[in-house]
Amino acid sequence: MTFGFSRVTADEIAAGLGISKATLYKHFGSKKEILREVVAMARAEILGIVESIIADESAGFLDKIMRLMLQMGEWFSQVGRVFAQDVRRSAPRIWEEIEVFRKQKILLNFRILLEAGVREGVIRPDVDLELIVQIYYVLIQEFVPPDRLFNSRHSVISILETLFKVFFEGVLTGQARENLAGRQAGFDLMNKEAFR
């Protein structure tokens, strides 16, 4: 995670494990196989954390979102920029697997959370959940890509927190939200006219 994938040798991996290089290659055919296994273990760990938070019946929607943000921020802070950029460059197929995993799991788990939010009465039932999930995924892809995240002057937590605030709370003050609610009829009319 610190030095990247390509700069660490099989000899260093074997020495770190306290085994010979020959023993290492009895279990793995190449350094990329080792990387694929490390990535698979990380995915399983992340998925386990996410699924346990989502399945926690004692927590509500907002608690789950906050816990997910903290867990993801902690996990991303453990992954170095060098590692993420190196995997993208040196092992593009493995990087693609990471991206496919991210997309599938973000879309699935965020949808599950939103549906729970609707059942709890926290999320409005009149919004298109599928569209919200797609918009949120695009925001995550743009602002929380693992290989570029570490060039940002913002922490993972601050990025996720801002996305959460803007996405769920909006950028309007309470008074402005009240004023906007009075104009909702105008929005509804424009929407009907646009899709005639």
Protein backbone atom coordinates (compact mmCIF):
# COMPACT_ATOMS: atom_id res chain seq x y z
CA MET A 1 0.00 0.00 0.00
CA THR A 2 2.92 2.36 0.68
CA PHE A 3 5.29 1.70 -2.22
CA GLY A 4 2.91 0.48 -4.88
CA PHE A 5 2.74 -2.80 -6.73
CA SER A 6 5.54 -2.63 -9.28
CA ARG A 7 8.26 -1.43 -6.88
CA VAL A 8 7.84 -4.30 -4.43
CA THR A 9 9.68 -7.45 -5.48
CA ALA A 10 8.70 -11.07 -4.93
CA ASP A 11 11.88 -11.40 -2.82
CA GLU A 12 10.64 -8.61 -0.53
CA ILE A 13 7.18 -10.18 -0.26
CA ALA A 14 8.69 -13.58 0.59
CA ALA A 15 11.06 -12.03 3.14
CA GLY A 16 8.15 -10.12 4.72
CA LEU A 17 6.27 -13.39 5.08
CA GLY A 18 9.32 -15.22 6.42
CA ILE A 19 9.32 -17.76 3.56
CA SER A 20 11.46 -18.43 0.53
CA LYS A 21 10.65 -17.05 -2.90
CA ALA A 22 10.28 -20.66 -4.13
CA THR A 23 7.64 -21.30 -1.45
CA LEU A 24 5.85 -18.11 -2.43
CA TYR A 25 5.71 -19.24 -6.06
CA LYS A 26 4.30 -22.63 -5.04
CA HIS A 27 1.14 -20.76 -4.02
CA PHE A 28 1.13 -17.96 -6.59
CA GLY A 29 2.17 -18.12 -10.22
CA SER A 30 3.09 -14.43 -10.43
CA LYS A 31 3.18 -11.16 -8.57
CA LYS A 32 -0.10 -10.19 -10.29
CA GLU A 33 -1.76 -13.26 -8.77
CA ILE A 34 -0.63 -12.04 -5.35
CA LEU A 35 -2.05 -8.60 -6.14
CA ARG A 36 -5.34 -10.10 -7.32
CA GLU A 37 -5.59 -12.05 -4.03
CA VAL A 38 -4.81 -8.94 -1.96
CA VAL A 39 -7.48 -7.00 -3.87
CA ALA A 40 -10.00 -9.85 -3.43
CA MET A 41 -9.33 -9.89 0.32
CA ALA A 42 -9.77 -6.10 0.51
CA ARG A 43 -13.04 -6.29 -1.45
CA ALA A 44 -14.35 -9.02 0.86
CA GLU A 45 -13.39 -6.98 3.93
CA ILE A 46 -15.06 -3.82 2.59
CA LEU A 47 -18.18 -5.68 1.51
CA GLY A 48 -18.43 -7.36 4.91
CA ILE A 49 -18.24 -3.99 6.67
CA VAL A 50 -20.80 -2.37 4.34
CA GLU A 51 -23.25 -5.26 4.51
CA SER A 52 -23.03 -5.47 8.31
CA ILE A 53 -23.78 -1.75 8.62
CA ILE A 54 -26.72 -1.98 6.21
CA ALA A 55 -28.09 -5.08 7.98
CA ASP A 56 -27.90 -3.48 11.44
CA GLU A 57 -31.58 -3.29 12.41
CA SER A 58 -30.80 -1.21 15.50
CA ALA A 59 -29.55 1.72 13.38
CA GLY A 60 -31.59 4.08 11.24
CA PHE A 61 -30.84 5.48 7.80
CA LEU A 62 -28.83 8.51 8.98
CA ASP A 63 -26.76 6.46 11.44
CA LYS A 64 -25.95 3.94 8.71
CA ILE A 65 -24.88 6.64 6.26
CA MET A 66 -22.61 8.25 8.86
CA ARG A 67 -21.04 4.91 9.80
CA LEU A 68 -20.47 4.06 6.13
CA MET A 69 -18.76 7.40 5.52
CA LEU A 70 -16.46 6.92 8.50
CA GLN A 71 -15.60 3.34 7.53
CA MET A 72 -14.91 4.22 3.90
CA GLY A 73 -12.82 7.22 4.93
CA GLU A 74 -10.78 5.04 7.25
CA TRP A 75 -10.29 2.37 4.61
CA PHE A 76 -9.29 4.82 1.85
CA SER A 77 -6.81 6.50 4.17
CA GLN A 78 -5.00 3.15 4.46
CA VAL A 79 -4.60 2.88 0.68
CA GLY A 80 -1.72 4.97 -0.61
CA ARG A 81 -1.92 7.11 -3.74
CA VAL A 82 1.17 5.38 -5.12
CA PHE A 83 -0.49 1.98 -4.77
CA ALA A 84 -3.74 3.05 -6.43
CA GLN A 85 -2.03 4.79 -9.34
CA ASP A 86 0.44 1.93 -9.78
CA VAL A 87 -2.30 -0.72 -9.93
CA ARG A 88 -4.20 1.34 -12.49
CA ARG A 89 -1.07 1.64 -14.66
CA SER A 90 0.63 -1.73 -14.09
CA ALA A 91 -2.36 -4.03 -13.69
CA PRO A 92 -5.23 -2.50 -15.72
CA ARG A 93 -7.35 -5.67 -15.65
CA ILE A 94 -7.21 -5.81 -11.88
CA TRP A 95 -8.00 -2.09 -11.76
CA GLU A 96 -11.01 -2.74 -13.98
CA GLU A 97 -12.17 -5.47 -11.57
CA ILE A 98 -11.92 -2.93 -8.73
CA GLU A 99 -14.01 -0.42 -10.69
CA VAL A 100 -16.67 -3.02 -11.61
CA PHE A 101 -16.88 -4.06 -7.96
CA ARG A 102 -17.20 -0.43 -6.84
CA LYS A 103 -19.98 0.26 -9.32
CA GLN A 104 -21.97 -2.88 -8.53
CA LYS A 105 -21.70 -2.51 -4.79
CA ILE A 106 -22.25 1.25 -4.65
CA LEU A 107 -25.38 0.99 -6.78
CA LEU A 108 -26.78 -2.03 -4.95
CA ASN A 109 -26.06 -0.94 -1.40
CA PHE A 110 -27.02 2.69 -1.88
CA ARG A 111 -30.33 1.56 -3.37
CA ILE A 112 -30.94 -0.70 -0.35
CA LEU A 113 -30.19 2.21 1.98
CA LEU A 114 -32.50 4.59 0.12
CA GLU A 115 -35.33 2.07 0.16
CA ALA A 116 -34.88 1.71 3.92
CA GLY A 117 -34.89 5.52 4.20
CA VAL A 118 -38.22 5.65 2.38
CA ARG A 119 -39.68 2.99 4.70
CA GLU A 120 -38.44 4.96 7.73
CA GLY A 121 -40.01 8.15 6.38
CA VAL A 122 -36.61 9.87 6.10
CA ILE A 123 -36.51 9.90 2.29
CA ARG A 124 -39.45 11.31 0.36
CA PRO A 125 -41.42 8.54 -1.37
CA ASP A 126 -42.14 10.71 -4.43
CA VAL A 127 -38.52 10.82 -5.66
CA ASP A 128 -37.16 8.48 -8.31
CA LEU A 129 -34.78 6.23 -6.35
CA GLU A 130 -33.18 4.81 -9.48
CA LEU A 131 -32.27 8.29 -10.67
CA ILE A 132 -30.94 9.26 -7.24
CA VAL A 133 -28.76 6.14 -7.16
CA GLN A 134 -27.33 6.93 -10.62
CA ILE A 135 -26.63 10.57 -9.72
CA TYR A 136 -24.97 9.58 -6.45
CA TYR A 137 -22.81 7.02 -8.26
CA VAL A 138 -21.62 9.66 -10.73
CA LEU A 139 -20.74 11.97 -7.84
CA ILE A 140 -18.80 9.22 -6.07
CA GLN A 141 -16.97 8.32 -9.30
CA GLU A 142 -16.02 11.93 -9.87
CA PHE A 143 -15.06 12.94 -6.35
CA VAL A 144 -13.91 9.70 -4.71
CA PRO A 145 -11.86 7.82 -7.33
CA PRO A 146 -9.25 5.73 -5.46
CA ASP A 147 -6.33 6.69 -7.71
CA ARG A 148 -6.91 10.48 -7.67
CA LEU A 149 -8.26 10.87 -4.17
CA PHE A 150 -4.88 11.42 -2.60
CA ASN A 151 -4.06 14.41 -4.79
CA SER A 152 -7.01 16.24 -3.31
CA ARG A 153 -6.52 18.85 -0.61
CA HIS A 154 -9.61 17.42 1.07
CA SER A 155 -9.82 14.30 3.20
CA VAL A 156 -12.04 11.40 2.17
CA ILE A 157 -14.31 12.12 5.11
CA SER A 158 -14.69 15.80 4.20
CA ILE A 159 -15.50 14.90 0.57
CA LEU A 160 -18.09 12.30 1.61
CA GLU A 161 -19.54 14.63 4.24
CA THR A 162 -19.93 17.46 1.72
CA LEU A 163 -21.50 15.11 -0.85
CA PHE A 164 -23.89 13.92 1.85
CA LYS A 165 -24.84 17.46 2.92
CA VAL A 166 -25.38 18.71 -0.60
CA PHE A 167 -27.07 15.57 -1.80
CA PHE A 168 -29.41 15.04 1.14
CA GLU A 169 -29.69 18.43 2.80
CA GLY A 170 -29.21 20.63 -0.24
CA VAL A 171 -27.41 23.93 -0.32
CA LEU A 172 -30.41 26.09 0.51
CA THR A 173 -31.12 27.58 3.91
CA GLY A 174 -34.30 26.63 5.75
CA GLN A 175 -36.03 29.86 4.65
CA ALA A 176 -35.00 29.31 1.03
CA ARG A 177 -36.33 25.73 1.17
CA GLU A 178 -39.67 27.07 2.40
CA ASN A 179 -39.73 29.61 -0.44
CA LEU A 180 -38.85 26.89 -2.92
CA ALA A 181 -41.68 24.69 -1.64
CA GLY A 182 -44.08 27.49 -2.59
CA ARG A 183 -42.73 27.39 -6.13
CA GLN A 184 -43.03 23.61 -6.50
CA ALA A 185 -46.21 24.01 -8.53
CA GLY A 186 -44.20 25.95 -11.11
CA PHE A 187 -41.67 23.13 -11.33
CA ASP A 188 -44.45 20.60 -11.76
CA LEU A 189 -46.02 22.65 -14.56
CA MET A 190 -42.68 23.08 -16.37
CA ASN A 191 -42.07 19.34 -16.08
CA LYS A 192 -45.47 18.52 -17.62
CA GLU A 193 -44.90 21.00 -20.46
CA ALA A 194 -41.41 19.67 -21.21
CA PHE A 195 -42.55 16.04 -21.55
CA ARG A 196 -45.75 16.51 -23.55
